[in-house]
Amino acid sequence: MKKGQTILLVDYNKDVIDIVRKAVKQTGLRLILAEDGQEAFDIAKVQVPDLVIVRKDIPVLDALSMSVLLRQLPETKDIPVVVICPAEVSRSELDRLQDAGCSACIEEPFTLKALVQRLEDWLK
């Protein structure tokens, strides 16, 4: 993980946004926020973040659809996409997300410490 790398967070949950903001501040990363999948996809095409963290059921384009679209463009095909999932997410749903090109899931609720540790893995 390098200072200045960019995370695109696609979420509407204020608690998650606050945790990610704190993690970004603590690690020297840059944060871009989007409220729905279409806005995030449009931002990703222009600003090409180093990592996308997206809520599974985000409106307009859900995480699965957004990941599929990102994989189709040369400039965004290699961006890791991490999905915020409920703790009870099924194995078949995880398989579907992986097949769509999602790199990992982070189950809610998660702590600041857990997020910072995972960011290091995702931003290698």
N, C-alpha and C. Protein backbone atom coordinates (compact mmCIF):
# COMPACT_ATOMS: atom_id res chain seq x y z
N MET A 1 0.85 -1.17 0.00
CA MET A 1 0.00 0.00 0.00
C MET A 1 0.89 1.24 0.00
N LYS A 2 0.59 2.16 -0.90
CA LYS A 2 1.39 3.38 -1.02
C LYS A 2 0.52 4.59 -0.72
N LYS A 3 1.12 5.57 -0.06
CA LYS A 3 0.40 6.82 0.19
C LYS A 3 -0.07 7.39 -1.14
N GLY A 4 -1.26 7.99 -1.12
CA GLY A 4 -1.78 8.62 -2.32
C GLY A 4 -2.60 7.71 -3.21
N GLN A 5 -2.60 6.39 -2.93
CA GLN A 5 -3.46 5.51 -3.72
C GLN A 5 -4.92 5.90 -3.46
N THR A 6 -5.77 5.64 -4.43
CA THR A 6 -7.16 6.09 -4.36
C THR A 6 -8.13 4.93 -4.16
N ILE A 7 -9.05 5.13 -3.22
CA ILE A 7 -10.16 4.20 -2.99
C ILE A 7 -11.44 4.88 -3.44
N LEU A 8 -12.22 4.18 -4.22
CA LEU A 8 -13.56 4.62 -4.58
C LEU A 8 -14.53 3.83 -3.71
N LEU A 9 -15.24 4.52 -2.82
CA LEU A 9 -16.21 3.88 -1.94
C LEU A 9 -17.62 4.16 -2.46
N VAL A 10 -18.37 3.08 -2.65
CA VAL A 10 -19.74 3.18 -3.16
C VAL A 10 -20.66 2.66 -2.06
N ASP A 11 -21.21 3.60 -1.29
CA ASP A 11 -22.03 3.20 -0.14
C ASP A 11 -22.92 4.35 0.29
N TYR A 12 -23.98 3.99 1.00
CA TYR A 12 -24.90 4.98 1.56
C TYR A 12 -24.94 4.91 3.08
N ASN A 13 -24.25 3.91 3.67
CA ASN A 13 -24.25 3.70 5.11
C ASN A 13 -23.25 4.65 5.77
N LYS A 14 -23.75 5.58 6.56
CA LYS A 14 -22.89 6.61 7.17
C LYS A 14 -21.82 6.01 8.08
N ASP A 15 -22.15 4.93 8.79
CA ASP A 15 -21.17 4.30 9.68
C ASP A 15 -20.00 3.73 8.87
N VAL A 16 -20.30 3.09 7.76
CA VAL A 16 -19.24 2.54 6.90
C VAL A 16 -18.41 3.67 6.30
N ILE A 17 -19.07 4.70 5.83
CA ILE A 17 -18.35 5.85 5.25
C ILE A 17 -17.39 6.43 6.29
N ASP A 18 -17.85 6.57 7.53
CA ASP A 18 -16.99 7.11 8.59
C ASP A 18 -15.78 6.21 8.85
N ILE A 19 -15.99 4.89 8.90
CA ILE A 19 -14.87 3.96 9.14
C ILE A 19 -13.86 4.05 7.99
N VAL A 20 -14.36 4.08 6.75
CA VAL A 20 -13.45 4.15 5.60
C VAL A 20 -12.71 5.48 5.60
N ARG A 21 -13.39 6.57 5.93
CA ARG A 21 -12.72 7.88 6.01
C ARG A 21 -11.57 7.84 7.02
N LYS A 22 -11.82 7.25 8.19
CA LYS A 22 -10.78 7.14 9.22
C LYS A 22 -9.62 6.28 8.73
N ALA A 23 -9.91 5.19 8.08
CA ALA A 23 -8.86 4.31 7.56
C ALA A 23 -8.01 5.02 6.51
N VAL A 24 -8.67 5.77 5.65
CA VAL A 24 -7.97 6.52 4.59
C VAL A 24 -7.06 7.57 5.21
N LYS A 25 -7.58 8.28 6.19
CA LYS A 25 -6.79 9.31 6.87
C LYS A 25 -5.57 8.69 7.56
N GLN A 26 -5.79 7.57 8.22
CA GLN A 26 -4.73 6.88 8.97
C GLN A 26 -3.63 6.34 8.05
N THR A 27 -3.98 5.96 6.84
CA THR A 27 -3.03 5.31 5.94
C THR A 27 -2.50 6.21 4.83
N GLY A 28 -2.99 7.44 4.75
CA GLY A 28 -2.50 8.35 3.71
C GLY A 28 -3.07 8.09 2.33
N LEU A 29 -4.19 7.40 2.28
CA LEU A 29 -4.84 7.13 1.00
C LEU A 29 -5.76 8.29 0.63
N ARG A 30 -6.31 8.23 -0.57
CA ARG A 30 -7.25 9.24 -1.06
C ARG A 30 -8.60 8.57 -1.23
N LEU A 31 -9.68 9.29 -0.92
CA LEU A 31 -11.02 8.71 -0.98
C LEU A 31 -11.91 9.49 -1.94
N ILE A 32 -12.63 8.73 -2.76
CA ILE A 32 -13.68 9.29 -3.61
C ILE A 32 -14.96 8.56 -3.21
N LEU A 33 -16.04 9.30 -3.03
CA LEU A 33 -17.33 8.71 -2.65
C LEU A 33 -18.30 8.73 -3.82
N ALA A 34 -19.10 7.68 -3.91
CA ALA A 34 -20.19 7.62 -4.89
C ALA A 34 -21.41 7.05 -4.17
N GLU A 35 -22.59 7.51 -4.59
CA GLU A 35 -23.82 7.09 -3.92
C GLU A 35 -24.50 5.92 -4.59
N ASP A 36 -24.18 5.65 -5.85
CA ASP A 36 -24.79 4.50 -6.52
C ASP A 36 -23.80 3.91 -7.52
N GLY A 37 -24.14 2.74 -8.03
CA GLY A 37 -23.23 2.02 -8.91
C GLY A 37 -22.96 2.72 -10.24
N GLN A 38 -23.95 3.39 -10.79
CA GLN A 38 -23.74 4.09 -12.06
C GLN A 38 -22.77 5.26 -11.88
N GLU A 39 -22.97 6.04 -10.81
CA GLU A 39 -22.06 7.15 -10.53
C GLU A 39 -20.64 6.62 -10.33
N ALA A 40 -20.50 5.52 -9.60
CA ALA A 40 -19.18 4.93 -9.35
C ALA A 40 -18.53 4.45 -10.65
N PHE A 41 -19.31 3.81 -11.50
CA PHE A 41 -18.78 3.33 -12.77
C PHE A 41 -18.28 4.51 -13.62
N ASP A 42 -19.06 5.58 -13.67
CA ASP A 42 -18.67 6.77 -14.43
C ASP A 42 -17.39 7.39 -13.86
N ILE A 43 -17.29 7.46 -12.54
CA ILE A 43 -16.09 8.00 -11.89
C ILE A 43 -14.88 7.11 -12.18
N ALA A 44 -15.06 5.80 -12.06
CA ALA A 44 -13.95 4.86 -12.25
C ALA A 44 -13.35 4.95 -13.65
N LYS A 45 -14.19 5.19 -14.65
CA LYS A 45 -13.70 5.29 -16.04
C LYS A 45 -12.78 6.50 -16.21
N VAL A 46 -13.02 7.56 -15.46
CA VAL A 46 -12.26 8.80 -15.60
C VAL A 46 -11.08 8.87 -14.63
N GLN A 47 -11.34 8.53 -13.36
CA GLN A 47 -10.31 8.71 -12.33
C GLN A 47 -9.51 7.44 -12.03
N VAL A 48 -9.94 6.29 -12.52
CA VAL A 48 -9.26 5.00 -12.38
C VAL A 48 -8.65 4.81 -10.97
N PRO A 49 -9.51 4.50 -9.99
CA PRO A 49 -9.01 4.29 -8.63
C PRO A 49 -8.16 3.03 -8.52
N ASP A 50 -7.43 2.92 -7.42
CA ASP A 50 -6.61 1.73 -7.17
C ASP A 50 -7.44 0.59 -6.56
N LEU A 51 -8.59 0.94 -5.99
CA LEU A 51 -9.45 -0.03 -5.33
C LEU A 51 -10.88 0.51 -5.31
N VAL A 52 -11.84 -0.38 -5.53
CA VAL A 52 -13.26 -0.02 -5.39
C VAL A 52 -13.82 -0.86 -4.25
N ILE A 53 -14.47 -0.19 -3.29
CA ILE A 53 -15.21 -0.87 -2.23
C ILE A 53 -16.67 -0.51 -2.45
N VAL A 54 -17.51 -1.53 -2.65
CA VAL A 54 -18.90 -1.27 -3.03
C VAL A 54 -19.86 -2.13 -2.20
N ARG A 55 -20.93 -1.51 -1.73
CA ARG A 55 -21.98 -2.25 -1.03
C ARG A 55 -22.67 -3.17 -2.02
N LYS A 56 -22.91 -4.40 -1.61
CA LYS A 56 -23.48 -5.43 -2.49
C LYS A 56 -24.78 -4.97 -3.16
N ASP A 57 -25.66 -4.35 -2.39
CA ASP A 57 -26.98 -3.99 -2.92
C ASP A 57 -27.12 -2.49 -3.24
N ILE A 58 -26.04 -1.86 -3.62
CA ILE A 58 -26.07 -0.42 -3.94
C ILE A 58 -27.08 -0.17 -5.07
N PRO A 59 -27.79 0.98 -5.03
CA PRO A 59 -28.80 1.22 -6.08
C PRO A 59 -28.23 1.50 -7.47
N VAL A 60 -29.08 1.48 -8.44
CA VAL A 60 -28.89 1.74 -9.87
C VAL A 60 -28.12 0.59 -10.53
N LEU A 61 -26.82 0.47 -10.25
CA LEU A 61 -26.03 -0.69 -10.69
C LEU A 61 -25.56 -1.37 -9.41
N ASP A 62 -25.96 -2.60 -9.17
CA ASP A 62 -25.48 -3.27 -7.96
C ASP A 62 -24.01 -3.68 -8.12
N ALA A 63 -23.43 -4.20 -7.06
CA ALA A 63 -22.00 -4.55 -7.06
C ALA A 63 -21.66 -5.54 -8.17
N LEU A 64 -22.50 -6.53 -8.36
CA LEU A 64 -22.25 -7.54 -9.38
C LEU A 64 -22.22 -6.91 -10.78
N SER A 65 -23.22 -6.13 -11.10
CA SER A 65 -23.30 -5.49 -12.42
C SER A 65 -22.14 -4.52 -12.64
N MET A 66 -21.83 -3.75 -11.60
CA MET A 66 -20.75 -2.78 -11.72
C MET A 66 -19.41 -3.48 -11.97
N SER A 67 -19.17 -4.58 -11.26
CA SER A 67 -17.93 -5.31 -11.44
C SER A 67 -17.81 -5.86 -12.87
N VAL A 68 -18.91 -6.42 -13.38
CA VAL A 68 -18.91 -6.94 -14.75
C VAL A 68 -18.55 -5.82 -15.74
N LEU A 69 -19.15 -4.65 -15.58
CA LEU A 69 -18.87 -3.52 -16.48
C LEU A 69 -17.43 -3.05 -16.37
N LEU A 70 -16.90 -2.98 -15.14
CA LEU A 70 -15.51 -2.57 -14.96
C LEU A 70 -14.55 -3.53 -15.65
N ARG A 71 -14.85 -4.82 -15.61
CA ARG A 71 -13.98 -5.84 -16.23
C ARG A 71 -13.96 -5.72 -17.76
N GLN A 72 -14.94 -5.07 -18.34
CA GLN A 72 -15.03 -4.97 -19.80
C GLN A 72 -14.21 -3.84 -20.40
N LEU A 73 -13.73 -2.91 -19.58
CA LEU A 73 -12.97 -1.77 -20.09
C LEU A 73 -11.48 -1.94 -19.83
N PRO A 74 -10.65 -1.68 -20.82
CA PRO A 74 -9.20 -1.85 -20.63
C PRO A 74 -8.64 -1.04 -19.46
N GLU A 75 -9.14 0.18 -19.26
CA GLU A 75 -8.58 1.05 -18.21
C GLU A 75 -9.04 0.65 -16.80
N THR A 76 -10.12 -0.12 -16.69
CA THR A 76 -10.62 -0.47 -15.35
C THR A 76 -10.62 -1.98 -15.08
N LYS A 77 -10.21 -2.78 -16.03
CA LYS A 77 -10.35 -4.24 -15.89
C LYS A 77 -9.53 -4.84 -14.75
N ASP A 78 -8.47 -4.17 -14.32
CA ASP A 78 -7.61 -4.73 -13.28
C ASP A 78 -7.82 -4.11 -11.90
N ILE A 79 -8.80 -3.23 -11.76
CA ILE A 79 -9.07 -2.61 -10.45
C ILE A 79 -9.71 -3.66 -9.53
N PRO A 80 -9.12 -3.88 -8.34
CA PRO A 80 -9.76 -4.80 -7.40
C PRO A 80 -11.10 -4.23 -6.94
N VAL A 81 -12.11 -5.07 -6.91
CA VAL A 81 -13.44 -4.68 -6.43
C VAL A 81 -13.76 -5.52 -5.19
N VAL A 82 -13.92 -4.82 -4.07
CA VAL A 82 -14.25 -5.47 -2.80
C VAL A 82 -15.70 -5.15 -2.48
N VAL A 83 -16.47 -6.17 -2.15
CA VAL A 83 -17.89 -6.01 -1.90
C VAL A 83 -18.17 -6.06 -0.40
N ILE A 84 -18.94 -5.08 0.08
CA ILE A 84 -19.41 -5.08 1.46
C ILE A 84 -20.65 -5.98 1.50
N CYS A 85 -20.53 -7.09 2.23
CA CYS A 85 -21.59 -8.10 2.26
C CYS A 85 -22.15 -8.23 3.67
N PRO A 86 -23.41 -8.65 3.76
CA PRO A 86 -23.95 -8.99 5.09
C PRO A 86 -23.24 -10.24 5.61
N ALA A 87 -23.18 -10.40 6.91
CA ALA A 87 -22.48 -11.54 7.51
C ALA A 87 -23.06 -12.88 7.06
N GLU A 88 -24.33 -12.91 6.72
CA GLU A 88 -24.97 -14.18 6.36
C GLU A 88 -24.96 -14.44 4.85
N VAL A 89 -24.03 -13.86 4.11
CA VAL A 89 -23.98 -14.07 2.66
C VAL A 89 -23.72 -15.55 2.35
N SER A 90 -24.43 -16.07 1.38
CA SER A 90 -24.33 -17.50 1.06
C SER A 90 -23.11 -17.80 0.19
N ARG A 91 -22.70 -19.04 0.20
CA ARG A 91 -21.58 -19.50 -0.63
C ARG A 91 -21.88 -19.28 -2.11
N SER A 92 -23.11 -19.55 -2.52
CA SER A 92 -23.47 -19.37 -3.94
C SER A 92 -23.42 -17.89 -4.34
N GLU A 93 -23.81 -17.01 -3.43
CA GLU A 93 -23.74 -15.57 -3.72
C GLU A 93 -22.28 -15.12 -3.82
N LEU A 94 -21.43 -15.63 -2.93
CA LEU A 94 -20.00 -15.32 -3.01
C LEU A 94 -19.41 -15.81 -4.33
N ASP A 95 -19.82 -16.99 -4.76
CA ASP A 95 -19.36 -17.54 -6.05
C ASP A 95 -19.80 -16.64 -7.21
N ARG A 96 -21.05 -16.18 -7.17
CA ARG A 96 -21.55 -15.29 -8.22
C ARG A 96 -20.75 -13.99 -8.28
N LEU A 97 -20.44 -13.42 -7.11
CA LEU A 97 -19.65 -12.18 -7.06
C LEU A 97 -18.24 -12.42 -7.61
N GLN A 98 -17.66 -13.55 -7.25
CA GLN A 98 -16.32 -13.87 -7.74
C GLN A 98 -16.34 -14.06 -9.26
N ASP A 99 -17.35 -14.74 -9.76
CA ASP A 99 -17.48 -14.95 -11.20
C ASP A 99 -17.65 -13.63 -11.95
N ALA A 100 -18.24 -12.63 -11.28
CA ALA A 100 -18.44 -11.32 -11.90
C ALA A 100 -17.17 -10.47 -11.85
N GLY A 101 -16.13 -10.98 -11.19
CA GLY A 101 -14.87 -10.26 -11.16
C GLY A 101 -14.57 -9.57 -9.85
N CYS A 102 -15.38 -9.79 -8.83
CA CYS A 102 -15.11 -9.19 -7.52
C CYS A 102 -13.91 -9.90 -6.88
N SER A 103 -13.04 -9.13 -6.28
CA SER A 103 -11.80 -9.67 -5.73
C SER A 103 -11.98 -10.27 -4.34
N ALA A 104 -12.86 -9.67 -3.54
CA ALA A 104 -13.03 -10.11 -2.16
C ALA A 104 -14.33 -9.54 -1.61
N CYS A 105 -14.69 -10.05 -0.43
CA CYS A 105 -15.83 -9.52 0.32
C CYS A 105 -15.34 -9.11 1.69
N ILE A 106 -15.93 -8.08 2.23
CA ILE A 106 -15.73 -7.73 3.62
C ILE A 106 -17.10 -7.76 4.26
N GLU A 107 -17.21 -8.59 5.30
CA GLU A 107 -18.51 -8.78 5.94
C GLU A 107 -18.75 -7.74 7.00
N GLU A 108 -19.99 -7.25 7.03
CA GLU A 108 -20.40 -6.30 8.07
C GLU A 108 -20.85 -7.04 9.31
N PRO A 109 -20.66 -6.48 10.47
CA PRO A 109 -19.94 -5.22 10.71
C PRO A 109 -18.43 -5.47 10.72
N PHE A 110 -17.66 -4.45 10.37
CA PHE A 110 -16.20 -4.57 10.44
C PHE A 110 -15.65 -3.36 11.19
N THR A 111 -14.46 -3.53 11.74
CA THR A 111 -13.83 -2.48 12.54
C THR A 111 -12.81 -1.72 11.71
N LEU A 112 -12.41 -0.57 12.22
CA LEU A 112 -11.37 0.22 11.58
C LEU A 112 -10.08 -0.60 11.46
N LYS A 113 -9.71 -1.27 12.54
CA LYS A 113 -8.48 -2.08 12.54
C LYS A 113 -8.55 -3.17 11.47
N ALA A 114 -9.68 -3.87 11.39
CA ALA A 114 -9.84 -4.94 10.40
C ALA A 114 -9.76 -4.37 8.98
N LEU A 115 -10.36 -3.22 8.76
CA LEU A 115 -10.33 -2.61 7.44
C LEU A 115 -8.92 -2.21 7.04
N VAL A 116 -8.19 -1.58 7.95
CA VAL A 116 -6.81 -1.17 7.64
C VAL A 116 -5.96 -2.39 7.29
N GLN A 117 -6.11 -3.48 8.04
CA GLN A 117 -5.36 -4.71 7.74
C GLN A 117 -5.71 -5.24 6.35
N ARG A 118 -6.99 -5.24 6.02
CA ARG A 118 -7.43 -5.75 4.71
C ARG A 118 -6.97 -4.83 3.57
N LEU A 119 -6.95 -3.52 3.82
CA LEU A 119 -6.51 -2.58 2.77
C LEU A 119 -5.09 -2.91 2.33
N GLU A 120 -4.26 -3.29 3.27
CA GLU A 120 -2.88 -3.63 2.93
C GLU A 120 -2.83 -4.82 1.97
N ASP A 121 -3.70 -5.80 2.18
CA ASP A 121 -3.76 -6.95 1.27
C ASP A 121 -4.29 -6.54 -0.11
N TRP A 122 -5.36 -5.75 -0.11
CA TRP A 122 -6.01 -5.39 -1.36
C TRP A 122 -5.20 -4.43 -2.22
N LEU A 123 -4.33 -3.63 -1.59
CA LEU A 123 -3.58 -2.60 -2.34
C LEU A 123 -2.12 -2.97 -2.50
N LYS A 124 -1.82 -4.24 -2.59
CA LYS A 124 -0.42 -4.70 -2.80
C LYS A 124 0.10 -4.20 -4.12
